[in-house]
Amino acid sequence: MTILAGFSASRQNPAPVELATQIARTTGEDILAVAVLERRLPAKADPIEDEYIDYLAVQADQALHHATDRLATAAAVRTQVEQARSIPEGLALAAQEHRPSVITVGSSSSGLLGRVTLGSVTERLVHTAAIPVAIAPRGYRAGSLGITRLTVAYGGRADRSGLIESAAGLADSWGVPLRIVSFAVRDVSAFTGTIESNDAEHLVVHNWWLRTRGRIEEQLTEVCETLRTRVPVEVGLGSGTDWPTTVESVGWDPGDLMLFGSGAAAIHQQVFLGSAASRIMRASPVPVMIMPRIDSA
């Protein structure tokens, strides 16, 4: 299989290639780095545009090789310059041709350094892709590690998309442990066990977590029996007074990758990022990956 890294020739942002390399260290897959050149008209319709696109293609190819030549990886790395009406369309065409297991892209240049921010390209891509889309934080450098742990951002009813099943299967095939976490922006004391009998809000939150944990464990038992896997699994809760502190509260290590399920608006076998997932994703200090919806029926 192949990992498709969407490379921005204009910004020369290596983060998607860095993330693809990190995943490849774990999976042993090849990497295809693709730069997409946008053109208004079909080839040969305008000689002037053709000449300009040919010039840009040479520049993009040089930028691709400059980015990939510096990679510390044993994986086979190929490059390709694609021409299309838009970058998402060009990446989709490359994905149709090469059938990658995942597409890696970067964050918007206007986002916070070290955080995941969707730009116009990634926004469109994550809402239309039929395969997993992994997004690197702005300025991401993978170092020498592969992916060492998968963390599922579990949202209860919003995750009726086969997320735990997909995550368990992925952790099993990648040979890494799995962590399943629910996030709640609440008063932290609600989860310390010091619930006052007259504090209705704390009692509701406490009961919500007990119910959510029960659902997770129930799904895990079913999935592990079906897949016949013994992947190490940890279940936890992130809590805080805002989204950044809530996401940070669970602790993150180099090599972590956070997984999201497609929201309820997604159609079968397609990616769609829900509103809650968007807030968690923007607070993530590690790369994220959105999994396509898989209907149970």
C-alpha atoms as a PDB file:
ATOM      1  CA  MET A   1       0.000   0.000   0.000  1.00  0.00           C
ATOM      2  CA  THR A   2       0.930   3.664  -0.384  1.00  0.00           C
ATOM      3  CA  ILE A   3       0.659   6.787   1.772  1.00  0.00           C
ATOM      4  CA  LEU A   4      -0.223   9.858  -0.289  1.00  0.00           C
ATOM      5  CA  ALA A   5       1.313  13.095   1.016  1.00  0.00           C
ATOM      6  CA  GLY A   6      -0.252  16.279  -0.321  1.00  0.00           C
ATOM      7  CA  PHE A   7       2.612  18.748  -0.769  1.00  0.00           C
ATOM      8  CA  SER A   8       2.150  22.510  -1.145  1.00  0.00           C
ATOM      9  CA  ALA A   9       4.605  23.633  -3.795  1.00  0.00           C
ATOM     10  CA  SER A  10       3.724  27.301  -3.254  1.00  0.00           C
ATOM     11  CA  ARG A  11       4.354  27.279   0.526  1.00  0.00           C
ATOM     12  CA  GLN A  12       6.857  24.384   0.362  1.00  0.00           C
ATOM     13  CA  ASN A  13       5.382  23.041   3.589  1.00  0.00           C
ATOM     14  CA  PRO A  14       7.059  19.714   4.462  1.00  0.00           C
ATOM     15  CA  ALA A  15       4.661  18.819   7.321  1.00  0.00           C
ATOM     16  CA  PRO A  16       2.485  16.419   5.250  1.00  0.00           C
ATOM     17  CA  VAL A  17       5.600  14.582   4.035  1.00  0.00           C
ATOM     18  CA  GLU A  18       6.953  14.459   7.590  1.00  0.00           C
ATOM     19  CA  LEU A  19       3.709  12.899   8.832  1.00  0.00           C
ATOM     20  CA  ALA A  20       3.630  10.420   5.946  1.00  0.00           C
ATOM     21  CA  THR A  21       7.178   9.393   6.843  1.00  0.00           C
ATOM     22  CA  GLN A  22       6.207   8.883  10.476  1.00  0.00           C
ATOM     23  CA  ILE A  23       3.291   6.648   9.524  1.00  0.00           C
ATOM     24  CA  ALA A  24       5.464   4.737   7.057  1.00  0.00           C
ATOM     25  CA  ARG A  25       7.971   3.938   9.816  1.00  0.00           C
ATOM     26  CA  THR A  26       5.168   2.057  11.551  1.00  0.00           C
ATOM     27  CA  THR A  27       3.385   0.494   8.582  1.00  0.00           C
ATOM     28  CA  GLY A  28       6.283  -0.147   6.204  1.00  0.00           C
ATOM     29  CA  GLU A  29       4.335   1.418   3.321  1.00  0.00           C
ATOM     30  CA  ASP A  30       5.726   3.436   0.435  1.00  0.00           C
ATOM     31  CA  ILE A  31       5.208   7.203   0.188  1.00  0.00           C
ATOM     32  CA  LEU A  32       3.914   9.156  -2.782  1.00  0.00           C
ATOM     33  CA  ALA A  33       4.438  12.924  -2.412  1.00  0.00           C
ATOM     34  CA  VAL A  34       2.076  14.823  -4.718  1.00  0.00           C
ATOM     35  CA  ALA A  35       2.120  18.512  -5.610  1.00  0.00           C
ATOM     36  CA  VAL A  36      -1.004  19.811  -7.351  1.00  0.00           C
ATOM     37  CA  LEU A  37      -0.879  22.675  -9.840  1.00  0.00           C
ATOM     38  CA  GLU A  38      -4.168  24.478 -10.373  1.00  0.00           C
ATOM     39  CA  ARG A  39      -5.092  25.341 -13.959  1.00  0.00           C
ATOM     40  CA  ARG A  40      -8.158  27.130 -15.302  1.00  0.00           C
ATOM     41  CA  LEU A  41      -8.349  25.456 -18.692  1.00  0.00           C
ATOM     42  CA  PRO A  42      -7.733  21.939 -20.037  1.00  0.00           C
ATOM     43  CA  ALA A  43      -4.296  21.178 -21.425  1.00  0.00           C
ATOM     44  CA  LYS A  44      -3.622  22.636 -24.915  1.00  0.00           C
ATOM     45  CA  ALA A  45      -6.572  25.030 -24.655  1.00  0.00           C
ATOM     46  CA  ASP A  46      -4.317  28.027 -24.007  1.00  0.00           C
ATOM     47  CA  PRO A  47      -0.639  27.900 -25.118  1.00  0.00           C
ATOM     48  CA  ILE A  48       0.312  30.717 -22.748  1.00  0.00           C
ATOM     49  CA  GLU A  49      -1.176  28.933 -19.736  1.00  0.00           C
ATOM     50  CA  ASP A  50       0.424  25.658 -20.871  1.00  0.00           C
ATOM     51  CA  GLU A  51       3.834  27.308 -20.946  1.00  0.00           C
ATOM     52  CA  TYR A  52       3.288  28.818 -17.488  1.00  0.00           C
ATOM     53  CA  ILE A  53       2.065  25.492 -16.057  1.00  0.00           C
ATOM     54  CA  ASP A  54       5.096  23.706 -17.513  1.00  0.00           C
ATOM     55  CA  TYR A  55       7.346  26.222 -15.760  1.00  0.00           C
ATOM     56  CA  LEU A  56       5.497  25.732 -12.458  1.00  0.00           C
ATOM     57  CA  ALA A  57       5.681  21.954 -12.867  1.00  0.00           C
ATOM     58  CA  VAL A  58       9.470  22.100 -12.998  1.00  0.00           C
ATOM     59  CA  GLN A  59       9.559  24.292  -9.884  1.00  0.00           C
ATOM     60  CA  ALA A  60       7.130  21.988  -8.058  1.00  0.00           C
ATOM     61  CA  ASP A  61       9.135  18.906  -8.965  1.00  0.00           C
ATOM     62  CA  GLN A  62      12.309  20.506  -7.635  1.00  0.00           C
ATOM     63  CA  ALA A  63      10.533  21.485  -4.400  1.00  0.00           C
ATOM     64  CA  LEU A  64       9.204  17.930  -3.992  1.00  0.00           C
ATOM     65  CA  HIS A  65      12.647  16.399  -4.389  1.00  0.00           C
ATOM     66  CA  HIS A  66      14.154  18.948  -2.009  1.00  0.00           C
ATOM     67  CA  ALA A  67      11.587  18.000   0.653  1.00  0.00           C
ATOM     68  CA  THR A  68      11.809  14.230   0.168  1.00  0.00           C
ATOM     69  CA  ASP A  69      15.596  13.997  -0.195  1.00  0.00           C
ATOM     70  CA  ARG A  70      15.975  15.169   3.415  1.00  0.00           C
ATOM     71  CA  LEU A  71      13.681  12.498   4.849  1.00  0.00           C
ATOM     72  CA  ALA A  72      15.208  10.013   7.278  1.00  0.00           C
ATOM     73  CA  THR A  73      13.269   6.969   6.132  1.00  0.00           C
ATOM     74  CA  ALA A  74      13.842   3.529   4.690  1.00  0.00           C
ATOM     75  CA  ALA A  75      10.524   3.718   2.835  1.00  0.00           C
ATOM     76  CA  ALA A  76      10.457   4.070  -0.924  1.00  0.00           C
ATOM     77  CA  VAL A  77       9.521   7.673  -1.740  1.00  0.00           C
ATOM     78  CA  ARG A  78       8.119   8.722  -5.109  1.00  0.00           C
ATOM     79  CA  THR A  79       7.046  12.152  -6.321  1.00  0.00           C
ATOM     80  CA  GLN A  80       4.360  13.281  -8.715  1.00  0.00           C
ATOM     81  CA  VAL A  81       3.128  16.633 -10.028  1.00  0.00           C
ATOM     82  CA  GLU A  82      -0.620  16.600 -10.728  1.00  0.00           C
ATOM     83  CA  GLN A  83      -2.590  19.200 -12.700  1.00  0.00           C
ATOM     84  CA  ALA A  84      -6.221  19.882 -11.824  1.00  0.00           C
ATOM     85  CA  ARG A  85      -8.788  22.650 -11.417  1.00  0.00           C
ATOM     86  CA  SER A  86      -8.237  22.619  -7.640  1.00  0.00           C
ATOM     87  CA  ILE A  87      -5.874  21.046  -5.117  1.00  0.00           C
ATOM     88  CA  PRO A  88      -8.571  18.811  -3.551  1.00  0.00           C
ATOM     89  CA  GLU A  89      -9.529  17.597  -7.026  1.00  0.00           C
ATOM     90  CA  GLY A  90      -5.886  16.890  -7.871  1.00  0.00           C
ATOM     91  CA  LEU A  91      -5.370  14.898  -4.663  1.00  0.00           C
ATOM     92  CA  ALA A  92      -8.598  12.997  -5.334  1.00  0.00           C
ATOM     93  CA  LEU A  93      -7.376  12.114  -8.841  1.00  0.00           C
ATOM     94  CA  ALA A  94      -4.054  10.894  -7.438  1.00  0.00           C
ATOM     95  CA  ALA A  95      -5.909   8.868  -4.803  1.00  0.00           C
ATOM     96  CA  GLN A  96      -8.082   7.230  -7.470  1.00  0.00           C
ATOM     97  CA  GLU A  97      -4.973   6.312  -9.445  1.00  0.00           C
ATOM     98  CA  HIS A  98      -2.802   4.977  -6.621  1.00  0.00           C
ATOM     99  CA  ARG A  99      -5.381   3.730  -4.051  1.00  0.00           C
ATOM    100  CA  PRO A 100      -3.485   4.930  -0.942  1.00  0.00           C
ATOM    101  CA  SER A 101      -4.343   3.765   2.568  1.00  0.00           C
ATOM    102  CA  VAL A 102      -4.286   7.350   3.879  1.00  0.00           C
ATOM    103  CA  ILE A 103      -3.805  10.927   2.640  1.00  0.00           C
ATOM    104  CA  THR A 104      -1.644  13.273   4.721  1.00  0.00           C
ATOM    105  CA  VAL A 105      -2.052  17.053   4.493  1.00  0.00           C
ATOM    106  CA  GLY A 106      -0.846  20.089   6.436  1.00  0.00           C
ATOM    107  CA  SER A 107      -2.558  22.762   8.484  1.00  0.00           C
ATOM    108  CA  SER A 108      -3.413  26.263   7.358  1.00  0.00           C
ATOM    109  CA  SER A 109      -0.529  28.740   7.419  1.00  0.00           C
ATOM    110  CA  SER A 110      -2.819  31.129   9.305  1.00  0.00           C
ATOM    111  CA  GLY A 111      -3.276  28.718  12.223  1.00  0.00           C
ATOM    112  CA  LEU A 112      -1.374  28.491  15.496  1.00  0.00           C
ATOM    113  CA  LEU A 113       2.083  26.945  15.368  1.00  0.00           C
ATOM    114  CA  GLY A 114       1.941  23.375  16.674  1.00  0.00           C
ATOM    115  CA  ARG A 115      -1.840  23.105  16.325  1.00  0.00           C
ATOM    116  CA  VAL A 116      -4.146  21.673  13.673  1.00  0.00           C
ATOM    117  CA  THR A 117      -6.077  24.222  11.627  1.00  0.00           C
ATOM    118  CA  LEU A 118      -8.135  23.479   8.536  1.00  0.00           C
ATOM    119  CA  GLY A 119      -7.609  25.728   5.533  1.00  0.00           C
ATOM    120  CA  SER A 120      -9.832  25.866   2.463  1.00  0.00           C
ATOM    121  CA  VAL A 121      -8.077  22.874   0.882  1.00  0.00           C
ATOM    122  CA  THR A 122      -8.113  20.591   3.924  1.00  0.00           C
ATOM    123  CA  GLU A 123     -11.652  21.672   4.829  1.00  0.00           C
ATOM    124  CA  ARG A 124     -12.940  20.495   1.479  1.00  0.00           C
ATOM    125  CA  LEU A 125     -10.802  17.369   1.479  1.00  0.00           C
ATOM    126  CA  VAL A 126     -11.897  16.063   4.887  1.00  0.00           C
ATOM    127  CA  HIS A 127     -15.547  16.524   3.939  1.00  0.00           C
ATOM    128  CA  THR A 128     -15.325  14.614   0.668  1.00  0.00           C
ATOM    129  CA  ALA A 129     -12.596  11.969   1.005  1.00  0.00           C
ATOM    130  CA  ALA A 130     -13.428   8.273   0.907  1.00  0.00           C
ATOM    131  CA  ILE A 131     -10.241   7.225   2.742  1.00  0.00           C
ATOM    132  CA  PRO A 132      -8.645   8.340   6.034  1.00  0.00           C
ATOM    133  CA  VAL A 133      -7.208  11.862   6.014  1.00  0.00           C
ATOM    134  CA  ALA A 134      -4.350  12.655   8.424  1.00  0.00           C
ATOM    135  CA  ILE A 135      -3.569  16.293   9.229  1.00  0.00           C
ATOM    136  CA  ALA A 136      -0.228  17.496  10.584  1.00  0.00           C
ATOM    137  CA  PRO A 137      -0.082  20.460  12.987  1.00  0.00           C
ATOM    138  CA  ARG A 138       1.396  23.626  11.548  1.00  0.00           C
ATOM    139  CA  GLY A 139       5.207  23.394  11.481  1.00  0.00           C
ATOM    140  CA  TYR A 140       5.164  19.687  12.351  1.00  0.00           C
ATOM    141  CA  ARG A 141       8.424  17.729  12.493  1.00  0.00           C
ATOM    142  CA  ALA A 142       8.162  13.990  13.072  1.00  0.00           C
ATOM    143  CA  GLY A 143      11.640  13.345  14.436  1.00  0.00           C
ATOM    144  CA  SER A 144      12.825   9.734  14.340  1.00  0.00           C
ATOM    145  CA  LEU A 145       9.756   8.050  15.855  1.00  0.00           C
ATOM    146  CA  GLY A 146       6.980   6.210  14.107  1.00  0.00           C
ATOM    147  CA  ILE A 147       3.393   6.206  15.348  1.00  0.00           C
ATOM    148  CA  THR A 148       3.531   4.752  18.865  1.00  0.00           C
ATOM    149  CA  ARG A 149      -0.084   5.081  20.052  1.00  0.00           C
ATOM    150  CA  LEU A 150      -3.552   5.724  18.611  1.00  0.00           C
ATOM    151  CA  THR A 151      -5.986   7.822  20.648  1.00  0.00           C
ATOM    152  CA  VAL A 152      -9.664   7.754  19.708  1.00  0.00           C
ATOM    153  CA  ALA A 153     -11.683  10.907  20.392  1.00  0.00           C
ATOM    154  CA  TYR A 154     -14.971   9.244  21.331  1.00  0.00           C
ATOM    155  CA  GLY A 155     -18.192  11.247  21.275  1.00  0.00           C
ATOM    156  CA  GLY A 156     -20.919   8.726  22.058  1.00  0.00           C
ATOM    157  CA  ARG A 157     -23.930   9.130  19.781  1.00  0.00           C
ATOM    158  CA  ALA A 158     -21.924  11.192  17.288  1.00  0.00           C
ATOM    159  CA  ASP A 159     -19.631   8.214  16.720  1.00  0.00           C
ATOM    160  CA  ARG A 160     -22.113   5.739  15.316  1.00  0.00           C
ATOM    161  CA  SER A 161     -19.748   5.383  12.402  1.00  0.00           C
ATOM    162  CA  GLY A 162     -17.705   2.291  13.164  1.00  0.00           C
ATOM    163  CA  LEU A 163     -14.935   4.363  14.784  1.00  0.00           C
ATOM    164  CA  ILE A 164     -13.962   1.964  17.560  1.00  0.00           C
ATOM    165  CA  GLU A 165     -14.042  -0.959  15.159  1.00  0.00           C
ATOM    166  CA  SER A 166     -11.861   0.903  12.644  1.00  0.00           C
ATOM    167  CA  ALA A 167      -9.470   2.103  15.358  1.00  0.00           C
ATOM    168  CA  ALA A 168      -9.059  -1.347  16.914  1.00  0.00           C
ATOM    169  CA  GLY A 169      -8.382  -2.880  13.517  1.00  0.00           C
ATOM    170  CA  LEU A 170      -5.857  -0.137  12.720  1.00  0.00           C
ATOM    171  CA  ALA A 171      -4.073  -0.512  16.071  1.00  0.00           C
ATOM    172  CA  ASP A 172      -3.912  -4.263  15.530  1.00  0.00           C
ATOM    173  CA  SER A 173      -2.457  -3.972  12.011  1.00  0.00           C
ATOM    174  CA  TRP A 174       0.007  -1.235  13.025  1.00  0.00           C
ATOM    175  CA  GLY A 175       1.030  -3.065  16.208  1.00  0.00           C
ATOM    176  CA  VAL A 176       0.467  -0.095  18.547  1.00  0.00           C
ATOM    177  CA  PRO A 177      -1.627   0.367  21.713  1.00  0.00           C
ATOM    178  CA  LEU A 178      -5.040   2.023  21.612  1.00  0.00           C
ATOM    179  CA  ARG A 179      -6.435   4.696  23.893  1.00  0.00           C
ATOM    180  CA  ILE A 180     -10.090   5.748  23.840  1.00  0.00           C
ATOM    181  CA  VAL A 181     -10.858   9.126  25.379  1.00  0.00           C
ATOM    182  CA  SER A 182     -14.009  11.184  25.819  1.00  0.00           C
ATOM    183  CA  PHE A 183     -13.681  14.927  26.327  1.00  0.00           C
ATOM    184  CA  ALA A 184     -15.896  17.125  28.486  1.00  0.00           C
ATOM    185  CA  VAL A 185     -15.552  20.873  29.056  1.00  0.00           C
ATOM    186  CA  ARG A 186     -16.766  20.999  32.653  1.00  0.00           C
ATOM    187  CA  ASP A 187     -15.687  21.941  36.152  1.00  0.00           C
ATOM    188  CA  VAL A 188     -12.763  19.604  36.864  1.00  0.00           C
ATOM    189  CA  SER A 189     -14.043  18.885  40.368  1.00  0.00           C
ATOM    190  CA  ALA A 190     -16.959  17.046  38.781  1.00  0.00           C
ATOM    191  CA  PHE A 191     -14.610  14.144  38.103  1.00  0.00           C
ATOM    192  CA  THR A 192     -12.652  14.043  41.351  1.00  0.00           C
ATOM    193  CA  GLY A 193     -15.186  11.912  43.154  1.00  0.00           C
ATOM    194  CA  THR A 194     -16.240  14.735  45.495  1.00  0.00           C
ATOM    195  CA  ILE A 195     -19.790  15.034  44.235  1.00  0.00           C
ATOM    196  CA  GLU A 196     -22.120  16.832  46.635  1.00  0.00           C
ATOM    197  CA  SER A 197     -25.617  15.426  46.889  1.00  0.00           C
ATOM    198  CA  ASN A 198     -27.158  18.819  46.122  1.00  0.00           C
ATOM    199  CA  ASP A 199     -24.988  19.464  43.079  1.00  0.00           C
ATOM    200  CA  ALA A 200     -27.216  18.326  40.226  1.00  0.00           C
ATOM    201  CA  GLU A 201     -24.830  19.395  37.477  1.00  0.00           C
ATOM    202  CA  HIS A 202     -21.939  17.365  38.868  1.00  0.00           C
ATOM    203  CA  LEU A 203     -24.177  14.357  39.305  1.00  0.00           C
ATOM    204  CA  VAL A 204     -25.356  14.584  35.689  1.00  0.00           C
ATOM    205  CA  VAL A 205     -21.775  14.797  34.405  1.00  0.00           C
ATOM    206  CA  HIS A 206     -20.677  11.895  36.609  1.00  0.00           C
ATOM    207  CA  ASN A 207     -23.541   9.727  35.358  1.00  0.00           C
ATOM    208  CA  TRP A 208     -22.801  10.746  31.773  1.00  0.00           C
ATOM    209  CA  TRP A 209     -19.219   9.500  32.116  1.00  0.00           C
ATOM    210  CA  LEU A 210     -20.292   6.201  33.681  1.00  0.00           C
ATOM    211  CA  ARG A 211     -22.743   5.632  30.812  1.00  0.00           C
ATOM    212  CA  THR A 212     -20.191   6.654  28.169  1.00  0.00           C
ATOM    213  CA  ARG A 213     -17.503   4.392  29.618  1.00  0.00           C
ATOM    214  CA  GLY A 214     -19.981   1.527  29.663  1.00  0.00           C
ATOM    215  CA  ARG A 215     -20.747   2.055  25.965  1.00  0.00           C
ATOM    216  CA  ILE A 216     -17.051   2.130  25.115  1.00  0.00           C
ATOM    217  CA  GLU A 217     -16.310  -1.074  27.009  1.00  0.00           C
ATOM    218  CA  GLU A 218     -19.310  -2.797  25.467  1.00  0.00           C
ATOM    219  CA  GLN A 219     -18.178  -1.887  21.934  1.00  0.00           C
ATOM    220  CA  LEU A 220     -14.587  -2.852  22.724  1.00  0.00           C
ATOM    221  CA  THR A 221     -15.604  -6.305  23.924  1.00  0.00           C
ATOM    222  CA  GLU A 222     -17.632  -6.913  20.778  1.00  0.00           C
ATOM    223  CA  VAL A 223     -14.947  -5.578  18.444  1.00  0.00           C
ATOM    224  CA  CYS A 224     -12.087  -7.507  20.062  1.00  0.00           C
ATOM    225  CA  GLU A 225     -14.084 -10.724  19.857  1.00  0.00           C
ATOM    226  CA  THR A 226     -14.894 -10.093  16.191  1.00  0.00           C
ATOM    227  CA  LEU A 227     -11.339  -9.113  15.223  1.00  0.00           C
ATOM    228  CA  ARG A 228      -9.770 -11.652  17.611  1.00  0.00           C
ATOM    229  CA  THR A 229      -7.289  -9.039  18.702  1.00  0.00           C
ATOM    230  CA  ARG A 230      -5.594  -8.375  22.029  1.00  0.00           C
ATOM    231  CA  VAL A 231      -4.481  -4.816  21.427  1.00  0.00           C
ATOM    232  CA  PRO A 232      -3.634  -3.036  24.707  1.00  0.00           C
ATOM    233  CA  VAL A 233      -6.512  -0.614  25.344  1.00  0.00           C
ATOM    234  CA  GLU A 234      -6.785   2.273  27.797  1.00  0.00           C
ATOM    235  CA  VAL A 235     -10.033   4.164  28.416  1.00  0.00           C
ATOM    236  CA  GLY A 236      -9.951   7.679  29.840  1.00  0.00           C
ATOM    237  CA  LEU A 237     -11.624  11.042  30.246  1.00  0.00           C
ATOM    238  CA  GLY A 238     -10.293  14.491  29.444  1.00  0.00           C
ATOM    239  CA  SER A 239     -11.830  17.374  31.359  1.00  0.00           C
ATOM    240  CA  GLY A 240     -11.217  21.058  31.813  1.00  0.00           C
ATOM    241  CA  THR A 241     -12.760  24.514  31.720  1.00  0.00           C
ATOM    242  CA  ASP A 242     -12.084  25.035  27.998  1.00  0.00           C
ATOM    243  CA  TRP A 243     -11.187  22.907  24.972  1.00  0.00           C
ATOM    244  CA  PRO A 244      -7.380  23.423  25.026  1.00  0.00           C
ATOM    245  CA  THR A 245      -7.038  22.463  28.703  1.00  0.00           C
ATOM    246  CA  THR A 246      -9.518  19.613  28.263  1.00  0.00           C
ATOM    247  CA  VAL A 247      -7.556  18.081  25.387  1.00  0.00           C
ATOM    248  CA  GLU A 248      -4.196  18.631  27.080  1.00  0.00           C
ATOM    249  CA  SER A 249      -5.431  17.021  30.318  1.00  0.00           C
ATOM    250  CA  VAL A 250      -5.122  13.453  28.996  1.00  0.00           C
ATOM    251  CA  GLY A 251      -1.390  13.797  28.306  1.00  0.00           C
ATOM    252  CA  TRP A 252       0.342  13.400  24.953  1.00  0.00           C
ATOM    253  CA  ASP A 253       3.619  11.827  23.864  1.00  0.00           C
ATOM    254  CA  PRO A 254       5.715  12.054  20.689  1.00  0.00           C
ATOM    255  CA  GLY A 255       4.377   9.446  18.287  1.00  0.00           C
ATOM    256  CA  ASP A 256       0.723   9.925  19.281  1.00  0.00           C
ATOM    257  CA  LEU A 257      -1.969  10.155  16.600  1.00  0.00           C
ATOM    258  CA  MET A 258      -5.560  11.140  17.443  1.00  0.00           C
ATOM    259  CA  LEU A 259      -8.411   9.519  15.523  1.00  0.00           C
ATOM    260  CA  PHE A 260     -11.835  11.009  14.822  1.00  0.00           C
ATOM    261  CA  GLY A 261     -14.937   9.375  13.424  1.00  0.00           C
ATOM    262  CA  SER A 262     -17.003  11.013  10.711  1.00  0.00           C
ATOM    263  CA  GLY A 263     -19.993  12.986  11.946  1.00  0.00           C
ATOM    264  CA  ALA A 264     -23.607  11.999  11.498  1.00  0.00           C
ATOM    265  CA  ALA A 265     -23.789  13.957   8.222  1.00  0.00           C
ATOM    266  CA  ALA A 266     -21.310  11.656   6.509  1.00  0.00           C
ATOM    267  CA  ILE A 267     -22.534   9.172   3.944  1.00  0.00           C
ATOM    268  CA  HIS A 268     -21.310   5.584   3.872  1.00  0.00           C
ATOM    269  CA  GLN A 269     -17.528   5.254   3.359  1.00  0.00           C
ATOM    270  CA  GLN A 270     -16.931   9.006   3.366  1.00  0.00           C
ATOM    271  CA  VAL A 271     -15.231  11.433   5.721  1.00  0.00           C
ATOM    272  CA  PHE A 272     -17.145  14.254   7.382  1.00  0.00           C
ATOM    273  CA  LEU A 273     -15.864  16.169  10.405  1.00  0.00           C
ATOM    274  CA  GLY A 274     -18.530  17.028  12.993  1.00  0.00           C
ATOM    275  CA  SER A 275     -18.649  20.262  15.011  1.00  0.00           C
ATOM    276  CA  ALA A 276     -17.515  18.731  18.334  1.00  0.00           C
ATOM    277  CA  ALA A 277     -14.649  16.959  16.587  1.00  0.00           C
ATOM    278  CA  SER A 278     -13.627  20.265  14.988  1.00  0.00           C
ATOM    279  CA  ARG A 279     -13.250  21.933  18.393  1.00  0.00           C
ATOM    280  CA  ILE A 280     -11.215  19.048  19.800  1.00  0.00           C
ATOM    281  CA  MET A 281      -9.085  18.877  16.669  1.00  0.00           C
ATOM    282  CA  ARG A 282      -8.167  22.573  16.833  1.00  0.00           C
ATOM    283  CA  ALA A 283      -6.845  22.000  20.372  1.00  0.00           C
ATOM    284  CA  SER A 284      -4.824  18.895  19.464  1.00  0.00           C
ATOM    285  CA  PRO A 285      -1.043  19.116  19.982  1.00  0.00           C
ATOM    286  CA  VAL A 286      -0.514  15.955  17.888  1.00  0.00           C
ATOM    287  CA  PRO A 287      -1.445  14.934  14.338  1.00  0.00           C
ATOM    288  CA  VAL A 288      -5.037  13.852  13.789  1.00  0.00           C
ATOM    289  CA  MET A 289      -6.700  11.441  11.393  1.00  0.00           C
ATOM    290  CA  ILE A 290     -10.363  11.431  10.344  1.00  0.00           C
ATOM    291  CA  MET A 291     -11.750   8.005   9.515  1.00  0.00           C
ATOM    292  CA  PRO A 292     -14.491   7.424   6.900  1.00  0.00           C
ATOM    293  CA  ARG A 293     -17.911   6.452   8.144  1.00  0.00           C
ATOM    294  CA  ILE A 294     -18.572   2.713   8.111  1.00  0.00           C
ATOM    295  CA  ASP A 295     -22.228   1.779   8.522  1.00  0.00           C
ATOM    296  CA  SER A 296     -22.994  -1.312  10.534  1.00  0.00           C
ATOM    297  CA  ALA A 297     -25.754  -2.349   8.188  1.00  0.00           C
END
